[in-house]
Structures are given as C-alpha cells and as structure tokens.
C-alpha atoms as a PDB file:
ATOM      1  CA  MET A   1      -0.097  -0.279  -0.109  1.00  0.00           C
ATOM      2  CA  HIS A   2       3.422   2.361  -0.027  1.00  0.00           C
ATOM      3  CA  GLU A   3       2.311   3.615  -3.507  1.00  0.00           C
ATOM      4  CA  SER A   4      -1.013   5.823  -1.741  1.00  0.00           C
ATOM      5  CA  VAL A   5       1.490   7.468   0.279  1.00  0.00           C
ATOM      6  CA  HIS A   6       2.720  11.126  -0.229  1.00  0.00           C
ATOM      7  CA  ALA A   7       6.007  11.945   1.562  1.00  0.00           C
ATOM      8  CA  GLU A   8       8.035  15.383   1.856  1.00  0.00           C
ATOM      9  CA  SER A   9      10.434  16.897   3.969  1.00  0.00           C
ATOM     10  CA  LEU A  10      10.914  20.942   5.390  1.00  0.00           C
ATOM     11  CA  TRP A  11      12.580  23.015   8.138  1.00  0.00           C
ATOM     12  CA  LEU A  12      10.950  24.510  10.902  1.00  0.00           C
ATOM     13  CA  THR A  13      12.801  27.304  13.091  1.00  0.00           C
ATOM     14  CA  MET A  14      12.752  26.694  16.746  1.00  0.00           C
ATOM     15  CA  ASP A  15      12.082  29.863  19.080  1.00  0.00           C
ATOM     16  CA  ASP A  16      15.770  30.227  19.731  1.00  0.00           C
ATOM     17  CA  GLY A  17      16.774  30.513  16.053  1.00  0.00           C
ATOM     18  CA  ALA A  18      17.933  26.401  15.459  1.00  0.00           C
ATOM     19  CA  GLU A  19      16.399  24.858  12.101  1.00  0.00           C
ATOM     20  CA  VAL A  20      14.963  21.429  12.582  1.00  0.00           C
ATOM     21  CA  TYR A  21      14.736  18.964   9.840  1.00  0.00           C
ATOM     22  CA  VAL A  22      11.282  17.691   9.376  1.00  0.00           C
ATOM     23  CA  ARG A  23       9.769  14.489   7.519  1.00  0.00           C
ATOM     24  CA  VAL A  24       5.860  13.604   7.108  1.00  0.00           C
ATOM     25  CA  TRP A  25       4.319  11.130   5.095  1.00  0.00           C
ATOM     26  CA  GLU A  26       0.551  11.014   4.635  1.00  0.00           C
ATOM     27  CA  PRO A  27      -2.280   9.434   2.329  1.00  0.00           C
ATOM     28  CA  ALA A  28      -1.858  10.643  -1.085  1.00  0.00           C
ATOM     29  CA  ALA A  29      -5.943  10.854  -1.057  1.00  0.00           C
ATOM     30  CA  GLY A  30      -5.377  13.410   2.026  1.00  0.00           C
ATOM     31  CA  ALA A  31      -2.122  15.321   0.583  1.00  0.00           C
ATOM     32  CA  GLY A  32      -4.121  18.487   0.180  1.00  0.00           C
ATOM     33  CA  ALA A  33      -2.283  21.081   0.909  1.00  0.00           C
ATOM     34  CA  ALA A  34       1.085  19.272   1.254  1.00  0.00           C
ATOM     35  CA  ALA A  35       1.134  19.139  -2.703  1.00  0.00           C
ATOM     36  CA  ALA A  36       2.204  22.778  -2.244  1.00  0.00           C
ATOM     37  CA  GLY A  37       5.302  22.049  -1.081  1.00  0.00           C
ATOM     38  CA  PRO A  38       7.218  23.369   1.873  1.00  0.00           C
ATOM     39  CA  ALA A  39       6.568  26.696   1.442  1.00  0.00           C
ATOM     40  CA  ASP A  40       2.793  26.178   2.295  1.00  0.00           C
ATOM     41  CA  ALA A  41       3.862  23.839   4.746  1.00  0.00           C
ATOM     42  CA  SER A  42       2.032  25.528   7.816  1.00  0.00           C
ATOM     43  CA  ALA A  43      -1.299  25.461   5.880  1.00  0.00           C
ATOM     44  CA  PRO A  44      -4.244  22.986   7.076  1.00  0.00           C
ATOM     45  CA  SER A  45      -4.858  19.961   5.066  1.00  0.00           C
ATOM     46  CA  ASP A  46      -8.007  21.033   2.340  1.00  0.00           C
ATOM     47  CA  ALA A  47      -8.405  16.934   1.474  1.00  0.00           C
ATOM     48  CA  ALA A  48     -12.035  15.870   2.522  1.00  0.00           C
ATOM     49  CA  GLY A  49     -11.843  13.933   5.788  1.00  0.00           C
ATOM     50  CA  GLY A  50      -7.930  14.342   6.427  1.00  0.00           C
ATOM     51  CA  PRO A  51      -6.133  11.280   8.105  1.00  0.00           C
ATOM     52  CA  ARG A  52      -7.692   9.438  10.507  1.00  0.00           C
ATOM     53  CA  ALA A  53      -4.848  10.539  12.926  1.00  0.00           C
ATOM     54  CA  VAL A  54      -1.284  11.503  13.146  1.00  0.00           C
ATOM     55  CA  LEU A  55       1.602   9.733  14.796  1.00  0.00           C
ATOM     56  CA  GLN A  56       4.319  12.096  15.675  1.00  0.00           C
ATOM     57  CA  LEU A  57       7.378  10.211  16.034  1.00  0.00           C
ATOM     58  CA  ALA A  58      11.101  11.003  18.170  1.00  0.00           C
ATOM     59  CA  HIS A  59      13.860   8.645  17.106  1.00  0.00           C
ATOM     60  CA  GLY A  60      16.638   7.482  19.124  1.00  0.00           C
ATOM     61  CA  MET A  61      20.407   8.538  19.883  1.00  0.00           C
ATOM     62  CA  THR A  62      22.623   8.214  17.449  1.00  0.00           C
ATOM     63  CA  GLU A  63      20.091   7.639  14.475  1.00  0.00           C
ATOM     64  CA  HIS A  64      17.568   9.789  12.263  1.00  0.00           C
ATOM     65  CA  SER A  65      13.629  10.090  11.203  1.00  0.00           C
ATOM     66  CA  GLY A  66      14.808   8.521   8.094  1.00  0.00           C
ATOM     67  CA  ARG A  67      14.877   5.233   9.161  1.00  0.00           C
ATOM     68  CA  TYR A  68      11.233   5.153   9.875  1.00  0.00           C
ATOM     69  CA  ASP A  69      10.606   5.382   6.323  1.00  0.00           C
ATOM     70  CA  ASP A  70       9.159   2.091   5.704  1.00  0.00           C
ATOM     71  CA  PHE A  71       6.978   1.989   8.812  1.00  0.00           C
ATOM     72  CA  ALA A  72       6.062   5.534   8.227  1.00  0.00           C
ATOM     73  CA  ARG A  73       4.554   4.770   4.761  1.00  0.00           C
ATOM     74  CA  PHE A  74       2.674   1.220   6.365  1.00  0.00           C
ATOM     75  CA  LEU A  75       0.396   3.560   8.621  1.00  0.00           C
ATOM     76  CA  ALA A  76       0.394   6.270   5.803  1.00  0.00           C
ATOM     77  CA  GLY A  77      -1.191   3.482   3.162  1.00  0.00           C
ATOM     78  CA  ARG A  78      -3.803   2.962   5.985  1.00  0.00           C
ATOM     79  CA  GLY A  79      -5.179   6.491   6.605  1.00  0.00           C
ATOM     80  CA  PHE A  80      -2.364   7.577   9.193  1.00  0.00           C
ATOM     81  CA  ALA A  81      -0.725  11.070   9.085  1.00  0.00           C
ATOM     82  CA  VAL A  82       3.145  10.412  10.639  1.00  0.00           C
ATOM     83  CA  VAL A  83       5.337  13.518  11.286  1.00  0.00           C
ATOM     84  CA  GLY A  84       8.916  12.780  12.728  1.00  0.00           C
ATOM     85  CA  ASN A  85      11.764  15.475  13.016  1.00  0.00           C
ATOM     86  CA  ASP A  86      15.784  14.715  13.395  1.00  0.00           C
ATOM     87  CA  HIS A  87      16.593  15.765  16.681  1.00  0.00           C
ATOM     88  CA  ARG A  88      19.330  18.350  17.315  1.00  0.00           C
ATOM     89  CA  GLY A  89      22.984  16.740  16.991  1.00  0.00           C
ATOM     90  CA  HIS A  90      21.122  14.470  14.483  1.00  0.00           C
ATOM     91  CA  GLY A  91      20.954  13.608  10.896  1.00  0.00           C
ATOM     92  CA  HIS A  92      19.937  16.886   8.722  1.00  0.00           C
ATOM     93  CA  THR A  93      19.392  18.983  11.712  1.00  0.00           C
ATOM     94  CA  GLY A  94      22.806  18.323  12.934  1.00  0.00           C
ATOM     95  CA  GLU A  95      24.698  18.227  10.001  1.00  0.00           C
ATOM     96  CA  ARG A  96      23.172  22.095   9.146  1.00  0.00           C
ATOM     97  CA  ALA A  97      24.111  23.090  12.629  1.00  0.00           C
ATOM     98  CA  ASP A  98      27.352  21.096  12.518  1.00  0.00           C
ATOM     99  CA  SER A  99      26.702  19.952  15.615  1.00  0.00           C
ATOM    100  CA  MET A 100      26.727  16.517  15.025  1.00  0.00           C
ATOM    101  CA  GLY A 101      26.436  14.607  18.415  1.00  0.00           C
ATOM    102  CA  TYR A 102      25.713  17.913  20.800  1.00  0.00           C
ATOM    103  CA  LEU A 103      22.566  19.338  21.658  1.00  0.00           C
ATOM    104  CA  ALA A 104      22.573  22.817  23.076  1.00  0.00           C
ATOM    105  CA  ASP A 105      24.551  25.129  25.048  1.00  0.00           C
ATOM    106  CA  GLN A 106      22.122  25.113  28.041  1.00  0.00           C
ATOM    107  CA  ASP A 107      19.220  22.575  28.792  1.00  0.00           C
ATOM    108  CA  GLY A 108      19.915  20.361  25.761  1.00  0.00           C
ATOM    109  CA  PHE A 109      17.131  17.631  26.528  1.00  0.00           C
ATOM    110  CA  GLU A 110      14.350  19.999  27.917  1.00  0.00           C
ATOM    111  CA  ARG A 111      15.097  21.623  24.324  1.00  0.00           C
ATOM    112  CA  LEU A 112      14.449  18.421  22.481  1.00  0.00           C
ATOM    113  CA  VAL A 113      11.326  18.658  24.191  1.00  0.00           C
ATOM    114  CA  ASP A 114      10.451  22.129  22.975  1.00  0.00           C
ATOM    115  CA  ASP A 115      11.123  20.930  19.812  1.00  0.00           C
ATOM    116  CA  LEU A 116       8.148  18.289  19.644  1.00  0.00           C
ATOM    117  CA  ARG A 117       6.456  20.872  21.067  1.00  0.00           C
ATOM    118  CA  ALA A 118       6.871  22.945  18.352  1.00  0.00           C
ATOM    119  CA  VAL A 119       6.349  20.116  15.850  1.00  0.00           C
ATOM    120  CA  HIS A 120       3.144  19.250  17.317  1.00  0.00           C
ATOM    121  CA  GLU A 121       1.805  22.897  16.912  1.00  0.00           C
ATOM    122  CA  TRP A 122       2.562  22.265  13.433  1.00  0.00           C
ATOM    123  CA  ALA A 123       1.094  19.072  12.999  1.00  0.00           C
ATOM    124  CA  CYS A 124      -2.210  20.852  14.789  1.00  0.00           C
ATOM    125  CA  ARG A 125      -2.351  23.416  12.169  1.00  0.00           C
ATOM    126  CA  ARG A 126      -1.701  20.865   9.586  1.00  0.00           C
ATOM    127  CA  TRP A 127      -4.289  18.386  10.383  1.00  0.00           C
ATOM    128  CA  PRO A 128      -6.807  20.570  12.753  1.00  0.00           C
ATOM    129  CA  GLY A 129      -9.441  17.985  13.963  1.00  0.00           C
ATOM    130  CA  ALA A 130      -7.298  14.854  13.918  1.00  0.00           C
ATOM    131  CA  PRO A 131      -6.150  12.948  17.197  1.00  0.00           C
ATOM    132  CA  ARG A 132      -2.565  13.178  17.613  1.00  0.00           C
ATOM    133  CA  PHE A 133      -0.207  10.610  18.920  1.00  0.00           C
ATOM    134  CA  LEU A 134       3.202  10.598  19.924  1.00  0.00           C
ATOM    135  CA  MET A 135       5.892   7.522  19.674  1.00  0.00           C
ATOM    136  CA  GLY A 136       9.287   7.372  21.160  1.00  0.00           C
ATOM    137  CA  HIS A 137      12.350   4.813  20.699  1.00  0.00           C
ATOM    138  CA  SER A 138      14.808   4.683  23.176  1.00  0.00           C
ATOM    139  CA  MET A 139      16.441   7.813  23.636  1.00  0.00           C
ATOM    140  CA  GLY A 140      13.343   9.267  22.257  1.00  0.00           C
ATOM    141  CA  SER A 141      10.992   7.796  24.574  1.00  0.00           C
ATOM    142  CA  PHE A 142      12.798   9.287  27.341  1.00  0.00           C
ATOM    143  CA  LEU A 143      11.796  12.847  25.528  1.00  0.00           C
ATOM    144  CA  VAL A 144       8.174  11.241  25.053  1.00  0.00           C
ATOM    145  CA  ARG A 145       8.079  10.746  28.868  1.00  0.00           C
ATOM    146  CA  ARG A 146       9.173  14.522  29.715  1.00  0.00           C
ATOM    147  CA  TYR A 147       6.728  15.518  27.216  1.00  0.00           C
ATOM    148  CA  ILE A 148       3.652  14.007  28.816  1.00  0.00           C
ATOM    149  CA  GLN A 149       4.823  15.518  32.189  1.00  0.00           C
ATOM    150  CA  ARG A 150       4.722  19.200  30.445  1.00  0.00           C
ATOM    151  CA  TYR A 151       2.191  18.470  28.119  1.00  0.00           C
ATOM    152  CA  GLY A 152       0.220  15.128  28.343  1.00  0.00           C
ATOM    153  CA  ASP A 153      -3.055  17.083  28.094  1.00  0.00           C
ATOM    154  CA  THR A 154      -2.089  17.651  24.256  1.00  0.00           C
ATOM    155  CA  VAL A 155      -2.136  13.935  23.104  1.00  0.00           C
ATOM    156  CA  ALA A 156      -4.539  11.259  22.483  1.00  0.00           C
ATOM    157  CA  GLY A 157      -2.266   8.533  23.497  1.00  0.00           C
ATOM    158  CA  VAL A 158       1.489   7.801  23.477  1.00  0.00           C
ATOM    159  CA  ILE A 159       3.789   4.709  22.352  1.00  0.00           C
ATOM    160  CA  ILE A 160       6.885   4.028  24.760  1.00  0.00           C
ATOM    161  CA  MET A 161       9.201   2.011  22.430  1.00  0.00           C
ATOM    162  CA  GLY A 162      12.345   0.341  23.930  1.00  0.00           C
ATOM    163  CA  THR A 163      12.436   2.535  27.271  1.00  0.00           C
ATOM    164  CA  ALA A 164      15.073   2.305  30.110  1.00  0.00           C
ATOM    165  CA  GLY A 165      14.299   2.338  34.270  1.00  0.00           C
ATOM    166  CA  ASN A 166      15.552   4.340  36.678  1.00  0.00           C
ATOM    167  CA  PRO A 167      19.460   4.773  36.176  1.00  0.00           C
ATOM    168  CA  GLY A 168      19.936   5.648  39.660  1.00  0.00           C
ATOM    169  CA  LEU A 169      23.400   5.782  41.470  1.00  0.00           C
ATOM    170  CA  PRO A 170      25.435   5.133  37.858  1.00  0.00           C
ATOM    171  CA  GLY A 171      23.306   7.739  36.137  1.00  0.00           C
ATOM    172  CA  LYS A 172      24.242   9.922  38.580  1.00  0.00           C
ATOM    173  CA  ILE A 173      27.961   9.001  38.363  1.00  0.00           C
ATOM    174  CA  GLY A 174      27.617   9.080  34.649  1.00  0.00           C
ATOM    175  CA  ARG A 175      26.473  12.660  34.902  1.00  0.00           C
ATOM    176  CA  ARG A 176      28.989  13.763  36.953  1.00  0.00           C
ATOM    177  CA  LEU A 177      31.918  12.348  34.524  1.00  0.00           C
ATOM    178  CA  ALA A 178      30.047  13.914  31.334  1.00  0.00           C
ATOM    179  CA  ARG A 179      30.448  17.336  33.755  1.00  0.00           C
ATOM    180  CA  LEU A 180      34.378  16.617  34.833  1.00  0.00           C
ATOM    181  CA  GLU A 181      34.573  15.690  30.786  1.00  0.00           C
ATOM    182  CA  MET A 182      33.258  19.007  29.566  1.00  0.00           C
ATOM    183  CA  ARG A 183      35.193  20.825  31.969  1.00  0.00           C
ATOM    184  CA  ARG A 184      38.232  19.287  30.735  1.00  0.00           C
ATOM    185  CA  ARG A 185      37.735  19.113  26.884  1.00  0.00           C
ATOM    186  CA  GLY A 186      34.666  20.897  26.092  1.00  0.00           C
ATOM    187  CA  PRO A 187      31.101  20.291  26.210  1.00  0.00           C
ATOM    188  CA  ARG A 188      31.379  19.270  22.410  1.00  0.00           C
ATOM    189  CA  HIS A 189      34.463  17.147  22.469  1.00  0.00           C
ATOM    190  CA  PRO A 190      33.331  13.603  21.577  1.00  0.00           C
ATOM    191  CA  SER A 191      33.131  10.992  24.485  1.00  0.00           C
ATOM    192  CA  MET A 192      34.783   7.708  24.033  1.00  0.00           C
ATOM    193  CA  LEU A 193      34.716   7.187  27.785  1.00  0.00           C
ATOM    194  CA  LEU A 194      30.975   7.519  28.390  1.00  0.00           C
ATOM    195  CA  THR A 195      30.353   5.570  25.016  1.00  0.00           C
ATOM    196  CA  SER A 196      32.205   2.819  25.795  1.00  0.00           C
ATOM    197  CA  LEU A 197      30.193   2.747  29.800  1.00  0.00           C
ATOM    198  CA  VAL A 198      26.775   3.282  28.287  1.00  0.00           C
ATOM    199  CA  PHE A 199      26.908   0.785  25.221  1.00  0.00           C
ATOM    200  CA  GLY A 200      29.881  -1.345  26.105  1.00  0.00           C
ATOM    201  CA  GLY A 201      28.075  -4.183  27.695  1.00  0.00           C
ATOM    202  CA  TYR A 202      25.031  -4.588  25.225  1.00  0.00           C
ATOM    203  CA  ASN A 203      26.816  -7.081  23.549  1.00  0.00           C
ATOM    204  CA  LYS A 204      27.523  -9.270  26.131  1.00  0.00           C
ATOM    205  CA  LYS A 205      24.664 -11.455  26.412  1.00  0.00           C
ATOM    206  CA  ILE A 206      24.884 -12.288  22.067  1.00  0.00           C
ATOM    207  CA  ARG A 207      26.952 -15.294  21.341  1.00  0.00           C
ATOM    208  CA  SER A 208      29.375 -14.301  18.984  1.00  0.00           C
ATOM    209  CA  PRO A 209      28.698 -10.999  17.693  1.00  0.00           C
ATOM    210  CA  LYS A 210      29.620 -10.127  14.353  1.00  0.00           C
ATOM    211  CA  THR A 211      29.542  -6.127  15.049  1.00  0.00           C
ATOM    212  CA  ALA A 212      29.698  -3.515  18.034  1.00  0.00           C
ATOM    213  CA  PHE A 213      25.712  -3.284  17.255  1.00  0.00           C
ATOM    214  CA  ASP A 214      24.307  -6.822  16.869  1.00  0.00           C
ATOM    215  CA  TRP A 215      22.499  -6.030  20.057  1.00  0.00           C
ATOM    216  CA  LEU A 216      20.200  -3.519  17.999  1.00  0.00           C
ATOM    217  CA  SER A 217      18.141  -6.616  16.032  1.00  0.00           C
ATOM    218  CA  ARG A 218      18.587 -10.144  15.220  1.00  0.00           C
ATOM    219  CA  ASP A 219      18.471  -8.997  11.750  1.00  0.00           C
ATOM    220  CA  ALA A 220      21.900  -9.021  10.168  1.00  0.00           C
ATOM    221  CA  GLU A 221      21.195  -6.981   7.142  1.00  0.00           C
ATOM    222  CA  ALA A 222      19.258  -3.932   9.188  1.00  0.00           C
ATOM    223  CA  VAL A 223      22.135  -3.817  11.906  1.00  0.00           C
ATOM    224  CA  LYS A 224      24.715  -4.452   8.447  1.00  0.00           C
ATOM    225  CA  ALA A 225      22.604  -0.945   7.276  1.00  0.00           C
ATOM    226  CA  TYR A 226      22.905   0.409  10.396  1.00  0.00           C
ATOM    227  CA  VAL A 227      26.658   0.394  10.502  1.00  0.00           C
ATOM    228  CA  ALA A 228      27.158   1.910   7.104  1.00  0.00           C
ATOM    229  CA  ASP A 229      24.910   4.637   7.415  1.00  0.00           C
ATOM    230  CA  PRO A 230      27.124   7.638   8.366  1.00  0.00           C
ATOM    231  CA  TRP A 231      24.573   9.082  10.261  1.00  0.00           C
ATOM    232  CA  CYS A 232      24.257   6.006  12.902  1.00  0.00           C
ATOM    233  CA  GLY A 233      26.419   4.797  15.696  1.00  0.00           C
ATOM    234  CA  PHE A 234      28.549   8.175  15.894  1.00  0.00           C
ATOM    235  CA  VAL A 235      30.348   9.066  18.988  1.00  0.00           C
ATOM    236  CA  PRO A 236      28.134  11.875  21.102  1.00  0.00           C
ATOM    237  CA  SER A 237      29.865  14.502  22.904  1.00  0.00           C
ATOM    238  CA  ALA A 238      30.472  14.842  26.663  1.00  0.00           C
ATOM    239  CA  GLY A 239      27.397  17.898  26.835  1.00  0.00           C
ATOM    240  CA  PHE A 240      25.007  15.103  24.812  1.00  0.00           C
ATOM    241  CA  TYR A 241      25.773  12.708  27.688  1.00  0.00           C
ATOM    242  CA  PHE A 242      25.415  15.275  30.682  1.00  0.00           C
ATOM    243  CA  ASP A 243      22.080  16.332  28.806  1.00  0.00           C
ATOM    244  CA  LEU A 244      21.011  12.969  28.512  1.00  0.00           C
ATOM    245  CA  LEU A 245      21.320  11.676  31.608  1.00  0.00           C
ATOM    246  CA  THR A 246      19.815  14.862  32.994  1.00  0.00           C
ATOM    247  CA  GLY A 247      16.793  13.716  31.224  1.00  0.00           C
ATOM    248  CA  LEU A 248      16.822  10.136  32.341  1.00  0.00           C
ATOM    249  CA  LEU A 249      16.720  11.408  36.059  1.00  0.00           C
ATOM    250  CA  LEU A 250      14.112  13.897  34.968  1.00  0.00           C
ATOM    251  CA  ILE A 251      11.547  11.434  34.369  1.00  0.00           C
ATOM    252  CA  HIS A 252      12.061   9.338  36.614  1.00  0.00           C
ATOM    253  CA  ASP A 253      10.986  11.965  39.820  1.00  0.00           C
ATOM    254  CA  GLU A 254       8.027  11.218  41.178  1.00  0.00           C
ATOM    255  CA  ARG A 255       6.938  14.946  41.632  1.00  0.00           C
ATOM    256  CA  GLU A 256       7.654  14.857  37.691  1.00  0.00           C
ATOM    257  CA  ILE A 257       5.427  12.009  37.119  1.00  0.00           C
ATOM    258  CA  ALA A 258       2.782  13.261  39.296  1.00  0.00           C
ATOM    259  CA  ARG A 259       2.259  15.672  36.679  1.00  0.00           C
ATOM    260  CA  ILE A 260       1.323  13.283  33.707  1.00  0.00           C
ATOM    261  CA  PRO A 261      -2.859  13.212  33.357  1.00  0.00           C
ATOM    262  CA  LYS A 262      -4.124   9.927  35.437  1.00  0.00           C
ATOM    263  CA  ASP A 263      -6.422   8.572  32.136  1.00  0.00           C
ATOM    264  CA  LEU A 264      -3.905   8.939  29.191  1.00  0.00           C
ATOM    265  CA  PRO A 265      -3.247   5.720  27.046  1.00  0.00           C
ATOM    266  CA  MET A 266       0.320   4.454  26.953  1.00  0.00           C
ATOM    267  CA  LEU A 267       1.294   1.485  25.072  1.00  0.00           C
ATOM    268  CA  PHE A 268       4.631   0.269  26.235  1.00  0.00           C
ATOM    269  CA  LEU A 269       6.759  -1.756  23.337  1.00  0.00           C
ATOM    270  CA  SER A 270      10.378  -4.076  24.292  1.00  0.00           C
ATOM    271  CA  GLY A 271      11.768  -6.909  23.443  1.00  0.00           C
ATOM    272  CA  ASP A 272      12.787  -9.462  25.846  1.00  0.00           C
ATOM    273  CA  ALA A 273      16.366  -9.490  24.910  1.00  0.00           C
ATOM    274  CA  ASP A 274      17.021  -5.693  24.695  1.00  0.00           C
ATOM    275  CA  PRO A 275      19.437  -4.653  27.027  1.00  0.00           C
ATOM    276  CA  VAL A 276      18.375  -0.885  26.939  1.00  0.00           C
ATOM    277  CA  THR A 277      15.343  -1.793  28.632  1.00  0.00           C
ATOM    278  CA  GLY A 278      17.388  -4.470  30.817  1.00  0.00           C
ATOM    279  CA  TYR A 279      15.754  -7.533  29.163  1.00  0.00           C
ATOM    280  CA  GLY A 280      12.159  -6.181  29.520  1.00  0.00           C
ATOM    281  CA  LYS A 281      12.539  -5.460  33.675  1.00  0.00           C
ATOM    282  CA  GLY A 282      13.457  -1.654  33.264  1.00  0.00           C
ATOM    283  CA  VAL A 283      10.075  -1.677  31.456  1.00  0.00           C
ATOM    284  CA  GLU A 284       8.060  -3.089  34.258  1.00  0.00           C
ATOM    285  CA  ARG A 285       9.628  -0.780  36.960  1.00  0.00           C
ATOM    286  CA  VAL A 286       8.582   2.312  34.859  1.00  0.00           C
ATOM    287  CA  ILE A 287       5.114   0.510  34.813  1.00  0.00           C
ATOM    288  CA  ALA A 288       4.937   0.155  38.220  1.00  0.00           C
ATOM    289  CA  GLN A 289       6.342   3.469  39.226  1.00  0.00           C
ATOM    290  CA  TYR A 290       3.364   4.906  37.143  1.00  0.00           C
ATOM    291  CA  GLU A 291       0.458   2.574  38.722  1.00  0.00           C
ATOM    292  CA  ARG A 292       2.057   4.044  41.730  1.00  0.00           C
ATOM    293  CA  HIS A 293       1.018   7.615  40.777  1.00  0.00           C
ATOM    294  CA  GLY A 294      -2.574   6.633  39.259  1.00  0.00           C
ATOM    295  CA  LEU A 295      -1.796   5.724  35.853  1.00  0.00           C
ATOM    296  CA  ARG A 296      -4.140   2.756  34.772  1.00  0.00           C
ATOM    297  CA  ARG A 297      -4.545   3.059  31.168  1.00  0.00           C
ATOM    298  CA  MET A 298      -1.044   0.993  30.051  1.00  0.00           C
ATOM    299  CA  THR A 299      -0.476  -1.815  27.853  1.00  0.00           C
ATOM    300  CA  SER A 300       2.358  -3.702  27.218  1.00  0.00           C
ATOM    301  CA  ILE A 301       3.831  -6.078  25.234  1.00  0.00           C
ATOM    302  CA  LEU A 302       7.047  -8.343  25.721  1.00  0.00           C
ATOM    303  CA  TYR A 303       8.584  -9.830  22.215  1.00  0.00           C
ATOM    304  CA  LYS A 304      10.425 -12.895  22.805  1.00  0.00           C
ATOM    305  CA  ASP A 305      13.923 -12.955  21.704  1.00  0.00           C
ATOM    306  CA  ALA A 306      13.911  -9.320  20.215  1.00  0.00           C
ATOM    307  CA  ARG A 307      16.175  -6.942  20.736  1.00  0.00           C
ATOM    308  CA  HIS A 308      16.306  -3.502  20.793  1.00  0.00           C
ATOM    309  CA  GLU A 309      14.658  -1.508  17.387  1.00  0.00           C
ATOM    310  CA  LEU A 310      11.306  -3.397  17.519  1.00  0.00           C
ATOM    311  CA  LEU A 311      10.878  -1.667  13.857  1.00  0.00           C
ATOM    312  CA  ASN A 312      13.824  -3.378  12.598  1.00  0.00           C
ATOM    313  CA  GLU A 313      13.759  -7.119  13.780  1.00  0.00           C
ATOM    314  CA  LEU A 314      12.768 -10.379  12.052  1.00  0.00           C
ATOM    315  CA  ASN A 315       9.233  -9.837  13.363  1.00  0.00           C
ATOM    316  CA  LYS A 316       8.590  -6.423  12.724  1.00  0.00           C
ATOM    317  CA  GLU A 317       5.721  -7.109  10.708  1.00  0.00           C
ATOM    318  CA  GLU A 318       4.026  -8.093  13.822  1.00  0.00           C
ATOM    319  CA  VAL A 319       5.250  -4.947  15.505  1.00  0.00           C
ATOM    320  CA  TYR A 320       3.712  -3.146  12.854  1.00  0.00           C
ATOM    321  CA  GLY A 321       0.203  -4.755  13.019  1.00  0.00           C
ATOM    322  CA  ASP A 322      -0.021  -4.420  16.956  1.00  0.00           C
ATOM    323  CA  ILE A 323       0.885  -0.638  16.494  1.00  0.00           C
ATOM    324  CA  LEU A 324      -1.798  -0.361  14.116  1.00  0.00           C
ATOM    325  CA  LYS A 325      -4.349  -1.905  16.187  1.00  0.00           C
ATOM    326  CA  TRP A 326      -3.554   0.118  19.111  1.00  0.00           C
ATOM    327  CA  LEU A 327      -4.044   3.330  17.210  1.00  0.00           C
ATOM    328  CA  GLU A 328      -6.846   2.278  15.661  1.00  0.00           C
ATOM    329  CA  ASN A 329      -8.660   1.213  19.117  1.00  0.00           C
ATOM    330  CA  HIS A 330      -7.578   4.937  20.292  1.00  0.00           C
ATOM    331  CA  ALA A 331      -8.528   6.750  17.281  1.00  0.00           C
ATOM    332  CA  GLY A 332     -11.431   8.654  18.866  1.00  0.00           C
ATOM    333  CA  GLY A 333     -10.381  11.341  20.454  1.00  0.00           C
ATOM    334  CA  ASN A 334      -9.671  14.905  19.924  1.00  0.00           C
ATOM    335  CA  PHE A 335      -7.196  16.925  21.277  1.00  0.00           C
ATOM    336  CA  ALA A 336      -5.810  20.256  21.315  1.00  0.00           C
END
C-alpha cells in the first residue's frame, strides 16, 4: 500500500533560531495542502476527511527520522499521517548546524522536548481536528516521557518503545563524569569514555557478535544498514551525555511523574533480549512507578527474543500490526 503515500520534508525554525528538519508521510488522497510543498507547509490540509489520526515520531540517539520510512509508509498507507523530526545533533538537523552529537549550549534535553512541542503545534495546523499521538524509541522514549510530564493533555495517547528504567546511582555518577569531561575537553568533544560505559556491555549476551551493534536487531541486514549509515552510531559529545543523563533522572522524578494525566493511554513495547530495557525488567519498573501514581490505561507487549530496534527486527510485521491495532482502538479522541 506504499504507493498511496505522499512524502515530503521541510525545515521548521524553533524559538531560539535553531532549524529542525522534519519528514512527513500521509495518505496520498489526503495530501491536500502538502502538494503545495514546504513553502505552504503550515497551511491546513484541505482534503476531505483528512487522516484518521496523526502519529508524531521521536527517534533514538545516534540515528535519524529517515530510518522510520518503511514504518511511516505502512501507517500512511492505512490512513494515518506520520511526522518526525531529526533531533538536534542528529541527521539533517545536526549536519546543517555542524553539531553532530551535541544538543544545545543549555538544557539540551529540555530543548529536544520543546522541539517536539513545536512540531506538534505545526501538525495541529496541518491536520486540524485529527487525534494526535506521540511515539518514541529509546532516547525518543525518554523525550516522550518528559513530554507527557509537561504537555500530557495535548495528545490522545503515547507509544513508548525500548525505554529504560531509573539509572539511579550509576546515572548520577555518569552525569558527574560527563561534567568533568566537559570541563576538561569542552562540551562538544566526543566522549569515548561515556560511550564505552553506556554501550560497552550491550553485546555481552549475544553469542559471537559480528559487529558492535548486534544488540540492535537479530536481522543482520538491518544491523549492516545501521553500520553503513554515516548518521548512525557516531560518538556523542560529553555535553550530550550530560543532557541525556539529566533527562533520564528527570523523567523518573516522582514529582514530575505526578503531572502526567491519569487517563492518558500508553503502549509500552520492548523485546526480552533488549539490553537497553534491562531485558524487559526496566520497562516493568517504569510501569510499576506509573501505577503508583494512579496511571491505569497502560498496555505492554514484550516480544520474545527481540532486541532493541523493534521496527527493524525479524518480527517487525508483528510489531507494525500491534501498533496499528492500538492506534485504531484509540483514534477516536480530539485533543488541542
């Protein structure tokens, strides 16, 4: 059904002047104003009916939104609009700013959340009246979890994929190390030390791994494509790790979790062979923490033998189908 999809890209300027690259996929019959191109990208769609709903994507660290093309076309071919940006320090956004692996001079994690909010507001103008959902993978899931602490009443539901539990003391130690590296070598300097500490053990349960990234997927071709992608797998800066760990600690703060709307639908997806999620245990801890705050509309799916990138796994069609079904079941709302 991909032939019925209209895809385009555009740049949005944030309130601090940063330019963020955005990809859009939608049903071809609902292209409407999209056919006018990026110059008219903020205009509402004039197609009859519009999309069934809008799914906004937040990609993971050291990757980019272009890697979600197949999944986005799958949804767009079934009546959904999909929009996703390249985060600061990543993809086209990072390349244009000459800041690959670096987020911002101040409050980088919060800046990424602000960018998601700006893209959300753009999507509201583009597809007025359509229910809006937010989905994040890995680092993107952390951003989504922060977004719903700040703006949870603006979305009809969220999909949290490949997320991690509270880093606790190791996270605080890592943040101190990041701050020390920033002082010694500057915030933009690539940090091999922190990259090794964060990712070094991820392959340990994989027998005879062929690459440093086998923990991403059982699909060797998907891993090969990741390794070959110049915008994937790079070494982030010390400033990036400081911001990331700051955000990780923030999204587990009890006071901030209390701000999440109690009736917000959530779908948690993870693989039981994913080291980022603690092989599923970290996700269980997140759900338990949310339950203590009265959040009840949570669904979780744990895929047997699946690794970190569920959308690039051997069973990705199953994952696609589960996401589609959940979206269809929750697409009746209308949120500002």
